[in-house]
Amino acid sequence: MPSLRLQRVQELLKRTVGEILRRESSIEKHGLITVNNVKVTSDLHSAVVFASILGSDQQKKRGTEWLDKKRKRLQGQLAREVILKYSPELKFIVGDTIHEGDRILEILDELDQGSSQT
């Protein structure tokens, strides 16, 4: 389990990266990019940003490419906004957690309806 300080740094990075993405990305071009979680190594040298993109397949593709292309710029903005001894190197992992969550809710609704009918 990460230390309290590491948890606080992860939460700060999550909020800040989310805000930077909101300002920098175009919803029409890249879809709605949301930050689900951030995992930082204990030495604070690198961070994995788990994101999801809500939009069409083309928007998701462009959004993923945009994150890869602009990673250094986003990392620089993060370094200016969050003062840490080391500015972590960012790595973006884009997943479909929103769609997976929706599917789980659908399954739970189906199970709930099935148990109420009996």
N, C-alpha and C. Protein backbone atom coordinates (compact mmCIF):
# COMPACT_ATOMS: atom_id res chain seq x y z
N MET A 1 0.84 -1.17 0.00
CA MET A 1 0.00 0.00 0.00
C MET A 1 0.89 1.24 0.00
N PRO A 2 0.59 2.21 -0.90
CA PRO A 2 1.43 3.40 -0.96
C PRO A 2 1.30 4.26 0.30
N SER A 3 2.36 5.00 0.56
CA SER A 3 2.35 5.88 1.74
C SER A 3 1.32 6.99 1.54
N LEU A 4 1.00 7.65 2.63
CA LEU A 4 0.03 8.74 2.58
C LEU A 4 0.54 9.85 1.66
N ARG A 5 1.82 10.16 1.74
CA ARG A 5 2.38 11.21 0.88
C ARG A 5 2.25 10.83 -0.59
N LEU A 6 2.56 9.58 -0.92
CA LEU A 6 2.46 9.12 -2.31
C LEU A 6 1.01 9.17 -2.79
N GLN A 7 0.08 8.80 -1.93
CA GLN A 7 -1.34 8.88 -2.29
C GLN A 7 -1.75 10.32 -2.57
N ARG A 8 -1.27 11.24 -1.76
CA ARG A 8 -1.62 12.65 -1.96
C ARG A 8 -1.00 13.19 -3.24
N VAL A 9 0.23 12.79 -3.55
CA VAL A 9 0.87 13.22 -4.80
C VAL A 9 0.11 12.66 -5.99
N GLN A 10 -0.29 11.39 -5.92
CA GLN A 10 -1.06 10.78 -7.01
C GLN A 10 -2.36 11.52 -7.24
N GLU A 11 -3.07 11.85 -6.18
CA GLU A 11 -4.34 12.57 -6.31
C GLU A 11 -4.11 13.97 -6.88
N LEU A 12 -3.06 14.65 -6.44
CA LEU A 12 -2.74 15.98 -6.96
C LEU A 12 -2.43 15.91 -8.46
N LEU A 13 -1.63 14.93 -8.85
CA LEU A 13 -1.30 14.76 -10.27
C LEU A 13 -2.53 14.41 -11.09
N LYS A 14 -3.40 13.60 -10.55
CA LYS A 14 -4.64 13.22 -11.24
C LYS A 14 -5.48 14.46 -11.54
N ARG A 15 -5.69 15.30 -10.52
CA ARG A 15 -6.49 16.51 -10.71
C ARG A 15 -5.81 17.48 -11.68
N THR A 16 -4.51 17.65 -11.53
CA THR A 16 -3.79 18.62 -12.36
C THR A 16 -3.72 18.17 -13.81
N VAL A 17 -3.40 16.90 -14.06
CA VAL A 17 -3.35 16.40 -15.44
C VAL A 17 -4.73 16.49 -16.07
N GLY A 18 -5.77 16.18 -15.31
CA GLY A 18 -7.13 16.30 -15.82
C GLY A 18 -7.45 17.72 -16.23
N GLU A 19 -7.05 18.68 -15.42
CA GLU A 19 -7.28 20.10 -15.73
C GLU A 19 -6.50 20.52 -16.96
N ILE A 20 -5.25 20.09 -17.08
CA ILE A 20 -4.43 20.42 -18.24
C ILE A 20 -5.06 19.84 -19.51
N LEU A 21 -5.52 18.59 -19.44
CA LEU A 21 -6.15 17.97 -20.60
C LEU A 21 -7.44 18.69 -20.98
N ARG A 22 -8.18 19.14 -20.00
CA ARG A 22 -9.42 19.86 -20.27
C ARG A 22 -9.13 21.16 -21.03
N ARG A 23 -8.06 21.84 -20.63
CA ARG A 23 -7.69 23.10 -21.28
C ARG A 23 -7.09 22.90 -22.66
N GLU A 24 -6.27 21.88 -22.83
CA GLU A 24 -5.47 21.72 -24.03
C GLU A 24 -6.15 20.93 -25.15
N SER A 25 -7.01 19.99 -24.82
CA SER A 25 -7.57 19.13 -25.85
C SER A 25 -8.89 19.70 -26.38
N SER A 26 -9.20 19.33 -27.59
CA SER A 26 -10.44 19.74 -28.23
C SER A 26 -11.41 18.56 -28.19
N ILE A 27 -12.56 18.76 -27.59
CA ILE A 27 -13.54 17.67 -27.48
C ILE A 27 -14.00 17.24 -28.86
N GLU A 28 -14.18 18.19 -29.77
CA GLU A 28 -14.64 17.86 -31.12
C GLU A 28 -13.63 16.98 -31.85
N LYS A 29 -12.33 17.26 -31.65
CA LYS A 29 -11.27 16.50 -32.34
C LYS A 29 -10.92 15.21 -31.62
N HIS A 30 -10.69 15.31 -30.31
CA HIS A 30 -10.10 14.20 -29.56
C HIS A 30 -11.09 13.47 -28.67
N GLY A 31 -12.34 13.89 -28.63
CA GLY A 31 -13.30 13.30 -27.70
C GLY A 31 -13.07 13.86 -26.30
N LEU A 32 -13.85 13.40 -25.37
CA LEU A 32 -13.72 13.84 -23.98
C LEU A 32 -12.70 12.94 -23.28
N ILE A 33 -11.54 13.51 -22.97
CA ILE A 33 -10.47 12.74 -22.33
C ILE A 33 -10.57 12.94 -20.82
N THR A 34 -10.71 11.85 -20.08
CA THR A 34 -10.80 11.93 -18.63
C THR A 34 -9.68 11.11 -18.01
N VAL A 35 -9.20 11.57 -16.88
CA VAL A 35 -8.15 10.86 -16.14
C VAL A 35 -8.83 10.03 -15.06
N ASN A 36 -8.66 8.73 -15.12
CA ASN A 36 -9.28 7.83 -14.15
C ASN A 36 -8.40 7.60 -12.92
N ASN A 37 -7.10 7.52 -13.16
CA ASN A 37 -6.19 7.23 -12.06
C ASN A 37 -4.76 7.60 -12.48
N VAL A 38 -3.92 7.81 -11.49
CA VAL A 38 -2.49 8.06 -11.73
C VAL A 38 -1.71 7.22 -10.73
N LYS A 39 -0.75 6.47 -11.23
CA LYS A 39 0.13 5.68 -10.37
C LYS A 39 1.54 6.23 -10.51
N VAL A 40 2.12 6.62 -9.40
CA VAL A 40 3.46 7.21 -9.39
C VAL A 40 4.42 6.24 -8.71
N THR A 41 5.62 6.12 -9.27
CA THR A 41 6.62 5.29 -8.62
C THR A 41 7.05 5.95 -7.31
N SER A 42 7.58 5.16 -6.40
CA SER A 42 7.93 5.70 -5.08
C SER A 42 9.02 6.76 -5.13
N ASP A 43 9.87 6.74 -6.19
CA ASP A 43 10.90 7.77 -6.31
C ASP A 43 10.41 9.01 -7.06
N LEU A 44 9.16 9.02 -7.48
CA LEU A 44 8.50 10.14 -8.18
C LEU A 44 9.11 10.46 -9.54
N HIS A 45 9.85 9.53 -10.12
CA HIS A 45 10.48 9.79 -11.41
C HIS A 45 9.57 9.49 -12.59
N SER A 46 8.56 8.65 -12.39
CA SER A 46 7.65 8.34 -13.49
C SER A 46 6.24 8.13 -12.96
N ALA A 47 5.29 8.42 -13.85
CA ALA A 47 3.88 8.27 -13.49
C ALA A 47 3.12 7.70 -14.68
N VAL A 48 2.23 6.78 -14.39
CA VAL A 48 1.36 6.21 -15.41
C VAL A 48 -0.01 6.85 -15.22
N VAL A 49 -0.51 7.47 -16.28
CA VAL A 49 -1.81 8.13 -16.25
C VAL A 49 -2.80 7.23 -16.98
N PHE A 50 -3.79 6.73 -16.25
CA PHE A 50 -4.83 5.90 -16.84
C PHE A 50 -5.97 6.82 -17.26
N ALA A 51 -6.22 6.87 -18.56
CA ALA A 51 -7.23 7.78 -19.09
C ALA A 51 -8.25 7.00 -19.92
N SER A 52 -9.38 7.63 -20.14
CA SER A 52 -10.36 7.08 -21.06
C SER A 52 -10.87 8.20 -21.93
N ILE A 53 -11.29 7.84 -23.13
CA ILE A 53 -11.76 8.81 -24.10
C ILE A 53 -13.19 8.46 -24.47
N LEU A 54 -14.07 9.41 -24.28
CA LEU A 54 -15.47 9.23 -24.62
C LEU A 54 -15.72 9.93 -25.94
N GLY A 55 -16.15 9.18 -26.94
CA GLY A 55 -16.41 9.75 -28.26
C GLY A 55 -16.46 8.64 -29.29
N SER A 56 -16.45 9.05 -30.55
CA SER A 56 -16.48 8.08 -31.64
C SER A 56 -15.14 7.34 -31.72
N ASP A 57 -15.11 6.28 -32.51
CA ASP A 57 -13.87 5.52 -32.68
C ASP A 57 -12.77 6.40 -33.27
N GLN A 58 -13.13 7.28 -34.20
CA GLN A 58 -12.15 8.17 -34.80
C GLN A 58 -11.63 9.17 -33.77
N GLN A 59 -12.51 9.69 -32.91
CA GLN A 59 -12.07 10.61 -31.86
C GLN A 59 -11.14 9.90 -30.88
N LYS A 60 -11.46 8.66 -30.55
CA LYS A 60 -10.60 7.90 -29.63
C LYS A 60 -9.22 7.70 -30.22
N LYS A 61 -9.17 7.37 -31.52
CA LYS A 61 -7.90 7.16 -32.19
C LYS A 61 -7.10 8.46 -32.20
N ARG A 62 -7.73 9.57 -32.59
CA ARG A 62 -7.03 10.85 -32.63
C ARG A 62 -6.62 11.30 -31.23
N GLY A 63 -7.48 11.04 -30.23
CA GLY A 63 -7.16 11.42 -28.86
C GLY A 63 -5.95 10.66 -28.33
N THR A 64 -5.88 9.37 -28.62
CA THR A 64 -4.75 8.55 -28.20
C THR A 64 -3.47 9.02 -28.88
N GLU A 65 -3.55 9.29 -30.18
CA GLU A 65 -2.38 9.79 -30.91
C GLU A 65 -1.96 11.15 -30.37
N TRP A 66 -2.92 12.01 -30.05
CA TRP A 66 -2.62 13.34 -29.52
C TRP A 66 -1.89 13.23 -28.18
N LEU A 67 -2.36 12.33 -27.31
CA LEU A 67 -1.70 12.15 -26.01
C LEU A 67 -0.26 11.70 -26.18
N ASP A 68 -0.02 10.78 -27.11
CA ASP A 68 1.34 10.31 -27.36
C ASP A 68 2.21 11.44 -27.93
N LYS A 69 1.65 12.20 -28.85
CA LYS A 69 2.41 13.27 -29.51
C LYS A 69 2.71 14.42 -28.56
N LYS A 70 1.77 14.78 -27.69
CA LYS A 70 1.91 15.94 -26.81
C LYS A 70 2.38 15.59 -25.40
N ARG A 71 2.84 14.37 -25.21
CA ARG A 71 3.23 13.92 -23.87
C ARG A 71 4.27 14.83 -23.23
N LYS A 72 5.30 15.18 -23.96
CA LYS A 72 6.36 16.04 -23.40
C LYS A 72 5.83 17.42 -23.03
N ARG A 73 4.99 17.98 -23.89
CA ARG A 73 4.41 19.30 -23.60
C ARG A 73 3.54 19.25 -22.35
N LEU A 74 2.71 18.21 -22.25
CA LEU A 74 1.85 18.05 -21.08
C LEU A 74 2.69 17.86 -19.82
N GLN A 75 3.77 17.12 -19.96
CA GLN A 75 4.69 16.89 -18.85
C GLN A 75 5.32 18.21 -18.39
N GLY A 76 5.69 19.06 -19.34
CA GLY A 76 6.26 20.36 -19.01
C GLY A 76 5.26 21.26 -18.29
N GLN A 77 4.02 21.24 -18.74
CA GLN A 77 2.99 22.04 -18.08
C GLN A 77 2.74 21.53 -16.67
N LEU A 78 2.75 20.22 -16.51
CA LEU A 78 2.58 19.65 -15.18
C LEU A 78 3.71 20.09 -14.26
N ALA A 79 4.93 20.11 -14.78
CA ALA A 79 6.09 20.52 -13.97
C ALA A 79 5.97 21.98 -13.53
N ARG A 80 5.39 22.83 -14.37
CA ARG A 80 5.21 24.23 -14.01
C ARG A 80 4.10 24.43 -12.97
N GLU A 81 3.10 23.56 -13.01
CA GLU A 81 1.95 23.74 -12.12
C GLU A 81 2.10 23.02 -10.78
N VAL A 82 2.83 21.93 -10.77
CA VAL A 82 3.03 21.15 -9.53
C VAL A 82 4.52 21.15 -9.22
N ILE A 83 4.86 21.76 -8.11
CA ILE A 83 6.27 21.87 -7.73
C ILE A 83 6.65 20.65 -6.88
N LEU A 84 7.46 19.80 -7.48
CA LEU A 84 7.99 18.62 -6.80
C LEU A 84 9.50 18.60 -7.02
N LYS A 85 10.19 17.83 -6.19
CA LYS A 85 11.64 17.70 -6.37
C LYS A 85 11.96 17.15 -7.75
N TYR A 86 11.21 16.14 -8.16
CA TYR A 86 11.35 15.56 -9.50
C TYR A 86 10.01 15.67 -10.19
N SER A 87 10.04 16.08 -11.42
CA SER A 87 8.82 16.09 -12.23
C SER A 87 8.72 14.73 -12.90
N PRO A 88 7.66 13.99 -12.64
CA PRO A 88 7.58 12.63 -13.17
C PRO A 88 7.42 12.59 -14.69
N GLU A 89 8.03 11.59 -15.29
CA GLU A 89 7.86 11.35 -16.72
C GLU A 89 6.51 10.65 -16.88
N LEU A 90 5.67 11.20 -17.73
CA LEU A 90 4.32 10.68 -17.89
C LEU A 90 4.26 9.59 -18.95
N LYS A 91 3.41 8.61 -18.69
CA LYS A 91 3.07 7.59 -19.68
C LYS A 91 1.55 7.46 -19.64
N PHE A 92 0.92 7.59 -20.80
CA PHE A 92 -0.53 7.51 -20.86
C PHE A 92 -0.97 6.12 -21.30
N ILE A 93 -1.95 5.59 -20.58
CA ILE A 93 -2.58 4.33 -20.96
C ILE A 93 -4.07 4.62 -21.11
N VAL A 94 -4.57 4.44 -22.32
CA VAL A 94 -5.96 4.73 -22.61
C VAL A 94 -6.74 3.43 -22.58
N GLY A 95 -7.82 3.41 -21.82
CA GLY A 95 -8.65 2.22 -21.72
C GLY A 95 -10.12 2.57 -21.89
N ASP A 96 -10.94 1.55 -21.86
CA ASP A 96 -12.39 1.72 -22.02
C ASP A 96 -13.12 1.50 -20.71
N THR A 97 -12.61 2.06 -19.63
CA THR A 97 -13.22 1.81 -18.33
C THR A 97 -14.64 2.35 -18.23
N ILE A 98 -14.95 3.42 -18.94
CA ILE A 98 -16.31 3.97 -18.90
C ILE A 98 -17.27 2.96 -19.51
N HIS A 99 -16.90 2.39 -20.68
CA HIS A 99 -17.77 1.41 -21.33
C HIS A 99 -17.87 0.13 -20.51
N GLU A 100 -16.77 -0.27 -19.89
CA GLU A 100 -16.79 -1.46 -19.04
C GLU A 100 -17.70 -1.24 -17.84
N GLY A 101 -17.64 -0.05 -17.25
CA GLY A 101 -18.51 0.28 -16.13
C GLY A 101 -19.97 0.29 -16.53
N ASP A 102 -20.27 0.85 -17.70
CA ASP A 102 -21.65 0.84 -18.21
C ASP A 102 -22.14 -0.59 -18.40
N ARG A 103 -21.29 -1.44 -18.94
CA ARG A 103 -21.69 -2.84 -19.17
C ARG A 103 -21.95 -3.55 -17.84
N ILE A 104 -21.14 -3.29 -16.84
CA ILE A 104 -21.36 -3.90 -15.52
C ILE A 104 -22.69 -3.43 -14.94
N LEU A 105 -22.99 -2.14 -15.08
CA LEU A 105 -24.28 -1.62 -14.59
C LEU A 105 -25.46 -2.26 -15.32
N GLU A 106 -25.31 -2.47 -16.64
CA GLU A 106 -26.36 -3.16 -17.40
C GLU A 106 -26.58 -4.57 -16.88
N ILE A 107 -25.50 -5.29 -16.63
CA ILE A 107 -25.60 -6.67 -16.13
C ILE A 107 -26.27 -6.67 -14.75
N LEU A 108 -25.89 -5.74 -13.88
CA LEU A 108 -26.51 -5.66 -12.56
C LEU A 108 -28.00 -5.35 -12.66
N ASP A 109 -28.38 -4.47 -13.59
CA ASP A 109 -29.80 -4.17 -13.80
C ASP A 109 -30.56 -5.41 -14.27
N GLU A 110 -29.95 -6.16 -15.20
CA GLU A 110 -30.58 -7.39 -15.69
C GLU A 110 -30.75 -8.39 -14.56
N LEU A 111 -29.74 -8.53 -13.72
CA LEU A 111 -29.84 -9.45 -12.59
C LEU A 111 -30.91 -9.00 -11.61
N ASP A 112 -30.97 -7.70 -11.39
CA ASP A 112 -31.97 -7.15 -10.47
C ASP A 112 -33.37 -7.37 -11.00
N GLN A 113 -33.57 -7.17 -12.29
CA GLN A 113 -34.89 -7.39 -12.90
C GLN A 113 -35.25 -8.87 -12.88
N GLY A 114 -34.28 -9.73 -13.09
CA GLY A 114 -34.52 -11.17 -13.06
C GLY A 114 -34.91 -11.65 -11.69
N SER A 115 -34.31 -11.10 -10.61
CA SER A 115 -34.64 -11.53 -9.27
C SER A 115 -35.98 -10.95 -8.82
N SER A 116 -36.41 -9.80 -9.37
CA SER A 116 -37.71 -9.23 -8.97
C SER A 116 -38.86 -9.97 -9.63
N GLN A 117 -38.61 -10.64 -10.75
CA GLN A 117 -39.67 -11.35 -11.45
C GLN A 117 -40.00 -12.67 -10.77
N THR A 118 -39.10 -13.19 -10.00
CA THR A 118 -39.35 -14.50 -9.37
C THR A 118 -40.08 -14.38 -8.08
